[in-house]
Structure formats: structure tokens, C-alpha cells
Amino acid sequence: YFDLHCDTLNRIVDENLDFFSVSLFAGGLSNVHFDKRYQCFAVW
């Protein structure tokens, strides 16, 4: 899976979340669903 856009960095900063928070749709825990994953993380 290759995803060209997510806003996960903003949620991490705004909500003081850890990258492995279960509330993040593109966080570290979501990696288990893919053999290989390239994820674009936008700063906004």
C-alpha cells in the first residue's frame, strides 16, 4: 500500500498523541495490515 496523503502529524501534535495511538488511522499500529507500506505524512 502506498498512500499519497494523510494528516497524522497534525493529530499527533494537536492531540499530544503517540504514533502508536489506537485512535490514529495512519499510525504505527495500522502497519500490521500490509506487507509493505509507503506513507506520505503531510505537514500542514
All heavy atoms as atom14 arrays in JSON, in Angstrom:
{
  "sequence": "YFDLHCDTLNRIVDENLDFFSVSLFAGGLSNVHFDKRYQCFAVW",
  "atom14_mask": [
    [1, 1, 1, 1, 1, 1, 1, 1, 1, 1, 1, 1, 0, 0],
    [1, 1, 1, 1, 1, 1, 1, 1, 1, 1, 1, 0, 0, 0],
    [1, 1, 1, 1, 1, 1, 1, 1, 0, 0, 0, 0, 0, 0],
    [1, 1, 1, 1, 1, 1, 1, 1, 0, 0, 0, 0, 0, 0],
    [1, 1, 1, 1, 1, 1, 1, 1, 1, 1, 0, 0, 0, 0],
    [1, 1, 1, 1, 1, 1, 0, 0, 0, 0, 0, 0, 0, 0],
    [1, 1, 1, 1, 1, 1, 1, 1, 0, 0, 0, 0, 0, 0],
    [1, 1, 1, 1, 1, 1, 1, 0, 0, 0, 0, 0, 0, 0],
    [1, 1, 1, 1, 1, 1, 1, 1, 0, 0, 0, 0, 0, 0],
    [1, 1, 1, 1, 1, 1, 1, 1, 0, 0, 0, 0, 0, 0],
    [1, 1, 1, 1, 1, 1, 1, 1, 1, 1, 1, 0, 0, 0],
    [1, 1, 1, 1, 1, 1, 1, 1, 0, 0, 0, 0, 0, 0],
    [1, 1, 1, 1, 1, 1, 1, 0, 0, 0, 0, 0, 0, 0],
    [1, 1, 1, 1, 1, 1, 1, 1, 0, 0, 0, 0, 0, 0],
    [1, 1, 1, 1, 1, 1, 1, 1, 1, 0, 0, 0, 0, 0],
    [1, 1, 1, 1, 1, 1, 1, 1, 0, 0, 0, 0, 0, 0],
    [1, 1, 1, 1, 1, 1, 1, 1, 0, 0, 0, 0, 0, 0],
    [1, 1, 1, 1, 1, 1, 1, 1, 0, 0, 0, 0, 0, 0],
    [1, 1, 1, 1, 1, 1, 1, 1, 1, 1, 1, 0, 0, 0],
    [1, 1, 1, 1, 1, 1, 1, 1, 1, 1, 1, 0, 0, 0],
    [1, 1, 1, 1, 1, 1, 0, 0, 0, 0, 0, 0, 0, 0],
    [1, 1, 1, 1, 1, 1, 1, 0, 0, 0, 0, 0, 0, 0],
    [1, 1, 1, 1, 1, 1, 0, 0, 0, 0, 0, 0, 0, 0],
    [1, 1, 1, 1, 1, 1, 1, 1, 0, 0, 0, 0, 0, 0],
    [1, 1, 1, 1, 1, 1, 1, 1, 1, 1, 1, 0, 0, 0],
    [1, 1, 1, 1, 1, 0, 0, 0, 0, 0, 0, 0, 0, 0],
    [1, 1, 1, 1, 0, 0, 0, 0, 0, 0, 0, 0, 0, 0],
    [1, 1, 1, 1, 0, 0, 0, 0, 0, 0, 0, 0, 0, 0],
    [1, 1, 1, 1, 1, 1, 1, 1, 0, 0, 0, 0, 0, 0],
    [1, 1, 1, 1, 1, 1, 0, 0, 0, 0, 0, 0, 0, 0],
    [1, 1, 1, 1, 1, 1, 1, 1, 0, 0, 0, 0, 0, 0],
    [1, 1, 1, 1, 1, 1, 1, 0, 0, 0, 0, 0, 0, 0],
    [1, 1, 1, 1, 1, 1, 1, 1, 1, 1, 0, 0, 0, 0],
    [1, 1, 1, 1, 1, 1, 1, 1, 1, 1, 1, 0, 0, 0],
    [1, 1, 1, 1, 1, 1, 1, 1, 0, 0, 0, 0, 0, 0],
    [1, 1, 1, 1, 1, 1, 1, 1, 1, 0, 0, 0, 0, 0],
    [1, 1, 1, 1, 1, 1, 1, 1, 1, 1, 1, 0, 0, 0],
    [1, 1, 1, 1, 1, 1, 1, 1, 1, 1, 1, 1, 0, 0],
    [1, 1, 1, 1, 1, 1, 1, 1, 1, 0, 0, 0, 0, 0],
    [1, 1, 1, 1, 1, 1, 0, 0, 0, 0, 0, 0, 0, 0],
    [1, 1, 1, 1, 1, 1, 1, 1, 1, 1, 1, 0, 0, 0],
    [1, 1, 1, 1, 1, 0, 0, 0, 0, 0, 0, 0, 0, 0],
    [1, 1, 1, 1, 1, 1, 1, 0, 0, 0, 0, 0, 0, 0],
    [1, 1, 1, 1, 1, 1, 1, 1, 1, 1, 1, 1, 1, 1]
  ],
  "atom14_positions": [
    [[0.84, -1.21, 0.0], [0.0, 0.0, 0.0], [0.87, 1.26, 0.0], [1.81, 1.36, 0.79], [-0.9, -0.02, 1.24], [-1.77, 1.2, 1.45], [-2.7, 1.59, 0.49], [-1.68, 1.96, 2.62], [-3.52, 2.7, 0.69], [-2.49, 3.07, 2.82], [-3.41, 3.43, 1.86], [-4.21, 4.52, 2.05], [0.0, 0.0, 0.0], [0.0, 0.0, 0.0]],
    [[0.57, 2.17, -0.9], [1.25, 3.47, -0.97], [0.17, 4.55, -0.88], [-0.72, 4.6, -1.71], [2.01, 3.59, -2.29], [3.07, 4.67, -2.31], [4.38, 4.35, -2.64], [2.77, 5.99, -2.02], [5.37, 5.31, -2.67], [3.75, 6.98, -2.06], [5.06, 6.64, -2.38], [0.0, 0.0, 0.0], [0.0, 0.0, 0.0], [0.0, 0.0, 0.0]],
    [[0.27, 5.39, 0.13], [-0.74, 6.42, 0.39], [-0.09, 7.8, 0.22], [0.86, 8.14, 0.92], [-1.26, 6.25, 1.82], [-2.44, 7.15, 2.14], [-2.75, 8.06, 1.35], [-3.07, 6.92, 3.2], [0.0, 0.0, 0.0], [0.0, 0.0, 0.0], [0.0, 0.0, 0.0], [0.0, 0.0, 0.0], [0.0, 0.0, 0.0], [0.0, 0.0, 0.0]],
    [[-0.64, 8.59, -0.69], [-0.04, 9.89, -1.01], [-0.38, 11.0, -0.02], [0.24, 12.08, -0.09], [-0.48, 10.34, -2.41], [0.07, 9.54, -3.59], [-0.57, 10.0, -4.89], [1.58, 9.66, -3.67], [0.0, 0.0, 0.0], [0.0, 0.0, 0.0], [0.0, 0.0, 0.0], [0.0, 0.0, 0.0], [0.0, 0.0, 0.0], [0.0, 0.0, 0.0]],
    [[-1.31, 10.77, 0.91], [-1.64, 11.87, 1.82], [-2.34, 11.41, 3.09], [-3.33, 10.68, 3.05], [-2.55, 12.89, 1.13], [-2.87, 14.06, 2.01], [-1.99, 15.11, 2.19], [-3.94, 14.35, 2.78], [-2.51, 15.99, 3.03], [-3.7, 15.55, 3.4], [0.0, 0.0, 0.0], [0.0, 0.0, 0.0], [0.0, 0.0, 0.0], [0.0, 0.0, 0.0]],
    [[-1.84, 11.88, 4.23], [-2.57, 11.8, 5.5], [-2.17, 13.0, 6.35], [-1.17, 13.67, 6.08], [-2.27, 10.49, 6.24], [-0.67, 10.43, 7.07], [0.0, 0.0, 0.0], [0.0, 0.0, 0.0], [0.0, 0.0, 0.0], [0.0, 0.0, 0.0], [0.0, 0.0, 0.0], [0.0, 0.0, 0.0], [0.0, 0.0, 0.0], [0.0, 0.0, 0.0]],
    [[-2.95, 13.28, 7.37], [-2.71, 14.41, 8.27], [-2.37, 13.95, 9.68], [-2.64, 14.63, 10.66], [-3.94, 15.33, 8.31], [-4.12, 16.1, 7.01], [-3.27, 16.95, 6.72], [-5.1, 15.84, 6.29], [0.0, 0.0, 0.0], [0.0, 0.0, 0.0], [0.0, 0.0, 0.0], [0.0, 0.0, 0.0], [0.0, 0.0, 0.0], [0.0, 0.0, 0.0]],
    [[-1.75, 12.8, 9.77], [-1.45, 12.18, 11.06], [-0.51, 13.04, 11.91], [-0.66, 13.11, 13.14], [-0.84, 10.79, 10.83], [-1.74, 10.03, 10.0], [-0.62, 10.06, 12.14], [0.0, 0.0, 0.0], [0.0, 0.0, 0.0], [0.0, 0.0, 0.0], [0.0, 0.0, 0.0], [0.0, 0.0, 0.0], [0.0, 0.0, 0.0], [0.0, 0.0, 0.0]],
    [[0.46, 13.7, 11.29], [1.39, 14.54, 12.06], [0.65, 15.64, 12.82], [0.99, 15.96, 13.96], [2.44, 15.17, 11.13], [3.41, 14.22, 10.45], [4.34, 14.99, 9.52], [4.21, 13.42, 11.47], [0.0, 0.0, 0.0], [0.0, 0.0, 0.0], [0.0, 0.0, 0.0], [0.0, 0.0, 0.0], [0.0, 0.0, 0.0], [0.0, 0.0, 0.0]],
    [[-0.35, 16.22, 12.18], [-1.12, 17.28, 12.84], [-1.87, 16.74, 14.06], [-1.9, 17.37, 15.11], [-2.11, 17.92, 11.86], [-1.41, 18.73, 10.8], [-1.18, 18.25, 9.7], [-1.04, 19.95, 11.12], [0.0, 0.0, 0.0], [0.0, 0.0, 0.0], [0.0, 0.0, 0.0], [0.0, 0.0, 0.0], [0.0, 0.0, 0.0], [0.0, 0.0, 0.0]],
    [[-2.44, 15.55, 13.91], [-3.16, 14.97, 15.05], [-2.2, 14.64, 16.19], [-2.53, 14.83, 17.36], [-3.92, 13.71, 14.61], [-5.2, 14.01, 13.82], [-6.13, 12.81, 13.83], [-6.55, 12.47, 15.19], [-7.01, 11.27, 15.55], [-7.11, 10.31, 14.65], [-7.37, 11.04, 16.79], [0.0, 0.0, 0.0], [0.0, 0.0, 0.0], [0.0, 0.0, 0.0]],
    [[-1.02, 14.14, 15.85], [-0.04, 13.82, 16.88], [0.33, 15.06, 17.68], [0.38, 15.04, 18.91], [1.21, 13.18, 16.25], [0.88, 11.77, 15.74], [2.36, 13.13, 17.26], [2.01, 11.13, 14.95], [0.0, 0.0, 0.0], [0.0, 0.0, 0.0], [0.0, 0.0, 0.0], [0.0, 0.0, 0.0], [0.0, 0.0, 0.0], [0.0, 0.0, 0.0]],
    [[0.56, 16.17, 16.97], [0.95, 17.43, 17.63], [-0.24, 18.05, 18.36], [-0.14, 18.43, 19.53], [1.54, 18.42, 16.62], [1.78, 19.78, 17.26], [2.85, 17.88, 16.05], [0.0, 0.0, 0.0], [0.0, 0.0, 0.0], [0.0, 0.0, 0.0], [0.0, 0.0, 0.0], [0.0, 0.0, 0.0], [0.0, 0.0, 0.0], [0.0, 0.0, 0.0]],
    [[-1.38, 18.15, 17.69], [-2.54, 18.85, 18.26], [-3.13, 18.12, 19.46], [-3.61, 18.75, 20.41], [-3.63, 19.0, 17.2], [-3.24, 19.95, 16.08], [-2.28, 20.72, 16.27], [-3.89, 19.92, 15.01], [0.0, 0.0, 0.0], [0.0, 0.0, 0.0], [0.0, 0.0, 0.0], [0.0, 0.0, 0.0], [0.0, 0.0, 0.0], [0.0, 0.0, 0.0]],
    [[-3.11, 16.79, 19.41], [-3.75, 16.0, 20.46], [-2.75, 15.33, 21.4], [-3.14, 14.55, 22.27], [-4.65, 14.93, 19.82], [-5.74, 15.51, 18.92], [-6.52, 14.44, 18.17], [-6.79, 13.38, 18.77], [-6.83, 14.66, 16.98], [0.0, 0.0, 0.0], [0.0, 0.0, 0.0], [0.0, 0.0, 0.0], [0.0, 0.0, 0.0], [0.0, 0.0, 0.0]],
    [[-1.47, 15.65, 21.2], [-0.4, 15.08, 22.03], [-0.48, 13.56, 22.04], [-0.46, 12.91, 23.09], [-0.48, 15.63, 23.46], [0.78, 15.34, 24.26], [1.87, 15.2, 23.71], [0.63, 15.23, 25.57], [0.0, 0.0, 0.0], [0.0, 0.0, 0.0], [0.0, 0.0, 0.0], [0.0, 0.0, 0.0], [0.0, 0.0, 0.0], [0.0, 0.0, 0.0]],
    [[-0.53, 12.98, 20.84], [-0.68, 11.55, 20.69], [0.67, 10.89, 20.41], [1.59, 11.52, 19.89], [-1.63, 11.22, 19.54], [-3.09, 11.64, 19.7], [-3.84, 11.38, 18.4], [-3.74, 10.92, 20.87], [0.0, 0.0, 0.0], [0.0, 0.0, 0.0], [0.0, 0.0, 0.0], [0.0, 0.0, 0.0], [0.0, 0.0, 0.0], [0.0, 0.0, 0.0]],
    [[0.75, 9.63, 20.72], [1.88, 8.81, 20.33], [1.58, 8.21, 18.95], [0.43, 7.94, 18.61], [2.08, 7.69, 21.36], [3.27, 6.82, 21.05], [3.1, 5.84, 20.29], [4.37, 7.12, 21.55], [0.0, 0.0, 0.0], [0.0, 0.0, 0.0], [0.0, 0.0, 0.0], [0.0, 0.0, 0.0], [0.0, 0.0, 0.0], [0.0, 0.0, 0.0]],
    [[2.62, 8.0, 18.15], [2.44, 7.44, 16.81], [1.7, 6.1, 16.83], [1.06, 5.72, 15.86], [3.8, 7.29, 16.13], [3.76, 6.7, 14.74], [2.98, 7.28, 13.75], [4.5, 5.57, 14.43], [2.94, 6.74, 12.46], [4.47, 5.03, 13.15], [3.69, 5.62, 12.17], [0.0, 0.0, 0.0], [0.0, 0.0, 0.0], [0.0, 0.0, 0.0]],
    [[1.79, 5.39, 17.94], [1.15, 4.08, 18.06], [-0.21, 4.15, 18.75], [-0.75, 3.14, 19.18], [2.08, 3.11, 18.79], [3.33, 2.82, 18.02], [4.48, 3.56, 18.25], [3.37, 1.84, 17.04], [5.64, 3.31, 17.53], [4.52, 1.59, 16.33], [5.66, 2.33, 16.57], [0.0, 0.0, 0.0], [0.0, 0.0, 0.0], [0.0, 0.0, 0.0]],
    [[-0.78, 5.35, 18.83], [-2.11, 5.51, 19.41], [-3.15, 4.75, 18.58], [-3.13, 4.8, 17.34], [-2.48, 6.99, 19.49], [-3.85, 7.15, 19.81], [0.0, 0.0, 0.0], [0.0, 0.0, 0.0], [0.0, 0.0, 0.0], [0.0, 0.0, 0.0], [0.0, 0.0, 0.0], [0.0, 0.0, 0.0], [0.0, 0.0, 0.0], [0.0, 0.0, 0.0]],
    [[-4.06, 4.07, 19.26], [-5.11, 3.32, 18.55], [-6.08, 4.25, 17.82], [-6.83, 3.79, 16.95], [-5.9, 2.42, 19.52], [-5.0, 1.34, 20.09], [-6.55, 3.24, 20.64], [0.0, 0.0, 0.0], [0.0, 0.0, 0.0], [0.0, 0.0, 0.0], [0.0, 0.0, 0.0], [0.0, 0.0, 0.0], [0.0, 0.0, 0.0], [0.0, 0.0, 0.0]],
    [[-6.07, 5.53, 18.13], [-7.0, 6.45, 17.5], [-6.52, 6.96, 16.15], [-7.28, 7.59, 15.41], [-7.27, 7.65, 18.43], [-6.14, 8.5, 18.49], [0.0, 0.0, 0.0], [0.0, 0.0, 0.0], [0.0, 0.0, 0.0], [0.0, 0.0, 0.0], [0.0, 0.0, 0.0], [0.0, 0.0, 0.0], [0.0, 0.0, 0.0], [0.0, 0.0, 0.0]],
    [[-5.26, 6.7, 15.8], [-4.71, 7.19, 14.53], [-4.99, 6.21, 13.4], [-4.68, 5.03, 13.47], [-3.21, 7.41, 14.66], [-2.77, 8.56, 15.57], [-1.25, 8.57, 15.7], [-3.26, 9.9, 15.05], [0.0, 0.0, 0.0], [0.0, 0.0, 0.0], [0.0, 0.0, 0.0], [0.0, 0.0, 0.0], [0.0, 0.0, 0.0], [0.0, 0.0, 0.0]],
    [[-5.57, 6.72, 12.31], [-5.89, 5.89, 11.16], [-4.64, 5.53, 10.35], [-4.61, 4.51, 9.66], [-6.89, 6.61, 10.24], [-8.3, 6.58, 10.74], [-8.59, 6.36, 12.08], [-9.35, 6.78, 9.87], [-9.9, 6.33, 12.55], [-10.68, 6.76, 10.32], [-10.94, 6.54, 11.66], [0.0, 0.0, 0.0], [0.0, 0.0, 0.0], [0.0, 0.0, 0.0]],
    [[-3.62, 6.38, 10.4], [-2.38, 6.11, 9.67], [-1.2, 6.04, 10.63], [-0.08, 6.41, 10.3], [-2.14, 7.17, 8.6], [0.0, 0.0, 0.0], [0.0, 0.0, 0.0], [0.0, 0.0, 0.0], [0.0, 0.0, 0.0], [0.0, 0.0, 0.0], [0.0, 0.0, 0.0], [0.0, 0.0, 0.0], [0.0, 0.0, 0.0], [0.0, 0.0, 0.0]],
    [[-1.46, 5.57, 11.83], [-0.41, 5.43, 12.84], [0.3, 4.1, 12.73], [0.0, 3.26, 11.87], [0.0, 0.0, 0.0], [0.0, 0.0, 0.0], [0.0, 0.0, 0.0], [0.0, 0.0, 0.0], [0.0, 0.0, 0.0], [0.0, 0.0, 0.0], [0.0, 0.0, 0.0], [0.0, 0.0, 0.0], [0.0, 0.0, 0.0], [0.0, 0.0, 0.0]],
    [[1.25, 3.89, 13.64], [2.09, 2.71, 13.59], [1.35, 1.4, 13.69], [1.74, 0.4, 13.08], [0.0, 0.0, 0.0], [0.0, 0.0, 0.0], [0.0, 0.0, 0.0], [0.0, 0.0, 0.0], [0.0, 0.0, 0.0], [0.0, 0.0, 0.0], [0.0, 0.0, 0.0], [0.0, 0.0, 0.0], [0.0, 0.0, 0.0], [0.0, 0.0, 0.0]],
    [[0.26, 1.35, 14.44], [-0.47, 0.1, 14.62], [-1.15, -0.37, 13.34], [-1.45, -1.56, 13.19], [-1.51, 0.24, 15.74], [-0.95, 0.42, 17.16], [-2.08, 0.59, 18.16], [-0.08, -0.78, 17.55], [0.0, 0.0, 0.0], [0.0, 0.0, 0.0], [0.0, 0.0, 0.0], [0.0, 0.0, 0.0], [0.0, 0.0, 0.0], [0.0, 0.0, 0.0]],
    [[-1.39, 0.55, 12.4], [-2.06, 0.17, 11.16], [-1.14, -0.58, 10.21], [-1.59, -1.14, 9.21], [-2.62, 1.42, 10.45], [-1.58, 2.28, 10.04], [0.0, 0.0, 0.0], [0.0, 0.0, 0.0], [0.0, 0.0, 0.0], [0.0, 0.0, 0.0], [0.0, 0.0, 0.0], [0.0, 0.0, 0.0], [0.0, 0.0, 0.0], [0.0, 0.0, 0.0]],
    [[0.17, -0.61, 10.5], [1.11, -1.28, 9.61], [0.86, -2.78, 9.51], [1.27, -3.42, 8.54], [2.54, -1.05, 10.1], [2.97, 0.38, 9.95], [2.5, 1.09, 9.08], [3.85, 0.83, 10.83], [0.0, 0.0, 0.0], [0.0, 0.0, 0.0], [0.0, 0.0, 0.0], [0.0, 0.0, 0.0], [0.0, 0.0, 0.0], [0.0, 0.0, 0.0]],
    [[0.22, -3.37, 10.51], [0.03, -4.82, 10.52], [-0.83, -5.3, 9.36], [-0.86, -6.49, 9.06], [-0.6, -5.29, 11.85], [0.3, -4.94, 13.02], [-1.99, -4.68, 12.04], [0.0, 0.0, 0.0], [0.0, 0.0, 0.0], [0.0, 0.0, 0.0], [0.0, 0.0, 0.0], [0.0, 0.0, 0.0], [0.0, 0.0, 0.0], [0.0, 0.0, 0.0]],
    [[-1.52, -4.39, 8.7], [-2.43, -4.78, 7.63], [-1.74, -4.9, 6.27], [-2.38, -5.27, 5.29], [-3.58, -3.78, 7.53], [-4.29, -3.55, 8.82], [-5.0, -4.54, 9.46], [-4.38, -2.44, 9.61], [-5.51, -4.05, 10.59], [-5.14, -2.79, 10.7], [0.0, 0.0, 0.0], [0.0, 0.0, 0.0], [0.0, 0.0, 0.0], [0.0, 0.0, 0.0]],
    [[-0.45, -4.6, 6.2], [0.24, -4.55, 4.91], [1.57, -5.28, 4.95], [2.26, -5.29, 5.96], [0.47, -3.09, 4.5], [-0.74, -2.22, 4.66], [-0.83, -1.31, 5.7], [-1.81, -2.34, 3.79], [-1.95, -0.53, 5.87], [-2.94, -1.57, 3.95], [-3.02, -0.66, 4.99], [0.0, 0.0, 0.0], [0.0, 0.0, 0.0], [0.0, 0.0, 0.0]],
    [[1.93, -5.88, 3.81], [3.27, -6.47, 3.67], [4.31, -5.37, 3.53], [5.41, -5.45, 4.07], [3.31, -7.4, 2.45], [2.35, -8.57, 2.59], [2.28, -9.15, 3.68], [1.66, -8.87, 1.6], [0.0, 0.0, 0.0], [0.0, 0.0, 0.0], [0.0, 0.0, 0.0], [0.0, 0.0, 0.0], [0.0, 0.0, 0.0], [0.0, 0.0, 0.0]],
    [[3.94, -4.35, 2.77], [4.81, -3.21, 2.56], [3.95, -1.95, 2.51], [2.88, -1.95, 1.89], [5.57, -3.37, 1.24], [6.66, -2.34, 0.99], [7.27, -2.52, -0.39], [7.89, -3.91, -0.54], [8.44, -4.09, -1.92], [0.0, 0.0, 0.0], [0.0, 0.0, 0.0], [0.0, 0.0, 0.0], [0.0, 0.0, 0.0], [0.0, 0.0, 0.0]],
    [[4.4, -0.9, 3.19], [3.6, 0.33, 3.22], [4.51, 1.55, 3.1], [5.46, 1.71, 3.85], [2.81, 0.42, 4.52], [2.03, 1.73, 4.68], [1.24, 1.72, 5.96], [0.79, 3.06, 6.3], [0.51, 3.47, 7.52], [0.65, 2.65, 8.54], [0.1, 4.7, 7.75], [0.0, 0.0, 0.0], [0.0, 0.0, 0.0], [0.0, 0.0, 0.0]],
    [[4.19, 2.39, 2.12], [4.82, 3.69, 1.97], [3.75, 4.73, 2.31], [2.7, 4.76, 1.66], [5.32, 3.91, 0.55], [6.62, 3.22, 0.23], [6.8, 1.86, 0.48], [7.67, 3.92, -0.36], [8.0, 1.23, 0.18], [8.87, 3.3, -0.66], [9.03, 1.96, -0.4], [10.21, 1.33, -0.7], [0.0, 0.0, 0.0], [0.0, 0.0, 0.0]],
    [[4.02, 5.55, 3.31], [3.01, 6.51, 3.78], [3.56, 7.93, 3.73], [4.57, 8.25, 4.34], [2.6, 6.19, 5.21], [1.57, 7.15, 5.79], [0.23, 7.06, 5.06], [-0.38, 5.99, 4.99], [-0.23, 8.18, 4.51], [0.0, 0.0, 0.0], [0.0, 0.0, 0.0], [0.0, 0.0, 0.0], [0.0, 0.0, 0.0], [0.0, 0.0, 0.0]],
    [[2.87, 8.78, 2.97], [3.21, 10.2, 2.93], [2.56, 10.88, 4.13], [1.35, 10.76, 4.34], [2.72, 10.84, 1.64], [3.6, 10.27, 0.17], [0.0, 0.0, 0.0], [0.0, 0.0, 0.0], [0.0, 0.0, 0.0], [0.0, 0.0, 0.0], [0.0, 0.0, 0.0], [0.0, 0.0, 0.0], [0.0, 0.0, 0.0], [0.0, 0.0, 0.0]],
    [[3.37, 11.6, 4.91], [2.91, 12.35, 6.06], [3.03, 13.84, 5.77], [4.14, 14.36, 5.64], [3.73, 12.01, 7.31], [3.51, 10.62, 7.84], [4.35, 9.58, 7.46], [2.46, 10.35, 8.7], [4.15, 8.3, 7.95], [2.25, 9.07, 9.2], [3.1, 8.04, 8.82], [0.0, 0.0, 0.0], [0.0, 0.0, 0.0], [0.0, 0.0, 0.0]],
    [[1.89, 14.52, 5.68], [1.9, 15.95, 5.36], [2.09, 16.8, 6.61], [1.57, 16.48, 7.68], [0.6, 16.34, 4.67], [0.0, 0.0, 0.0], [0.0, 0.0, 0.0], [0.0, 0.0, 0.0], [0.0, 0.0, 0.0], [0.0, 0.0, 0.0], [0.0, 0.0, 0.0], [0.0, 0.0, 0.0], [0.0, 0.0, 0.0], [0.0, 0.0, 0.0]],
    [[2.85, 17.89, 6.46], [2.83, 18.95, 7.46], [1.91, 20.04, 6.93], [1.97, 20.4, 5.76], [4.25, 19.51, 7.75], [5.11, 18.45, 8.41], [4.93, 20.02, 6.49], [0.0, 0.0, 0.0], [0.0, 0.0, 0.0], [0.0, 0.0, 0.0], [0.0, 0.0, 0.0], [0.0, 0.0, 0.0], [0.0, 0.0, 0.0], [0.0, 0.0, 0.0]],
    [[1.03, 20.51, 7.78], [0.01, 21.48, 7.37], [-0.23, 22.47, 8.5], [-0.14, 22.11, 9.69], [-1.32, 20.76, 7.06], [-2.45, 21.71, 6.75], [-2.76, 22.25, 5.54], [-3.42, 22.24, 7.67], [-3.86, 23.07, 5.64], [-4.29, 23.08, 6.95], [-3.64, 22.07, 9.04], [-5.35, 23.75, 7.53], [-4.71, 22.75, 9.63], [-5.55, 23.57, 8.88]]
  ]
}
